[in-house]
Protein backbone atom coordinates (compact mmCIF):
# COMPACT_ATOMS: atom_id res chain seq x y z
CA MET A 1 15.69 -22.77 21.51
CA SER A 2 14.39 -26.15 19.57
CA SER A 3 12.60 -27.04 22.67
CA ILE A 4 10.46 -24.48 22.74
CA ILE A 5 9.29 -24.39 19.29
CA GLY A 6 5.86 -25.45 19.40
CA ARG A 7 3.97 -23.86 15.92
CA GLY A 8 0.41 -23.48 17.17
CA THR A 9 1.53 -21.52 20.60
CA TYR A 10 4.96 -19.82 19.47
CA PHE A 11 3.68 -19.37 15.93
CA TYR A 12 0.85 -18.39 13.15
CA ASP A 13 1.23 -20.31 10.74
CA VAL A 14 0.93 -18.42 7.60
CA THR A 15 -1.43 -21.27 4.64
CA THR A 16 -2.10 -18.79 1.59
CA GLY A 17 -0.04 -16.76 -0.66
CA ASN A 18 3.66 -17.38 -2.67
CA ASN A 19 6.86 -15.43 -3.25
CA GLN A 20 6.36 -14.62 -7.05
CA ALA A 21 7.51 -11.56 -7.92
CA ASP A 22 8.41 -11.93 -11.18
CA PRO A 23 4.68 -13.91 -13.26
CA SER A 24 7.71 -16.04 -15.20
CA VAL A 25 9.42 -17.65 -12.31
CA PRO A 26 6.58 -19.29 -10.14
CA GLY A 27 8.10 -19.01 -6.68
CA TYR A 28 7.13 -20.78 -3.31
CA PRO A 29 3.74 -21.92 -1.66
CA ALA A 30 2.38 -21.02 1.42
CA THR A 31 1.07 -24.11 2.83
CA THR A 32 -0.01 -25.61 6.27
CA GLY A 33 3.38 -25.94 8.45
CA TRP A 34 6.85 -25.83 7.49
CA ASP A 35 7.46 -24.40 3.96
CA PRO A 36 10.44 -22.31 2.15
CA ILE A 37 8.55 -19.07 2.06
CA THR A 38 7.12 -18.40 5.55
CA GLY A 39 9.48 -21.54 7.39
CA LEU A 40 7.28 -21.63 11.12
CA GLY A 41 5.20 -18.58 10.38
CA THR A 42 4.92 -15.25 12.17
CA PRO A 43 6.01 -15.33 15.74
CA ASN A 44 3.46 -14.40 18.38
CA ALA A 45 5.75 -12.43 20.44
CA ALA A 46 3.29 -12.75 23.31
CA THR A 47 4.18 -15.87 23.74
CA LEU A 48 7.46 -17.14 21.78
CA LEU A 49 9.51 -14.20 23.91
CA PRO A 50 8.64 -15.02 27.65
CA ALA A 51 9.82 -18.80 26.64
CA VAL A 52 12.69 -17.52 25.33
CA ALA A 53 13.72 -15.57 28.13
CA SER A 54 12.98 -18.30 30.14
CA HIS A 55 15.73 -20.88 28.69
């Protein structure tokens, strides 16, 4: 599967927001590309599932 991962094709990159649940803990920000809060982003099932099924 690592050979088919393409951020722009198979995932929607989440670039805004954070995971701050408590005002006293800053959390992680969402940024361009991989980040600890959203990983690679939200899967684009229309392109990801056919690619996974073909491997």
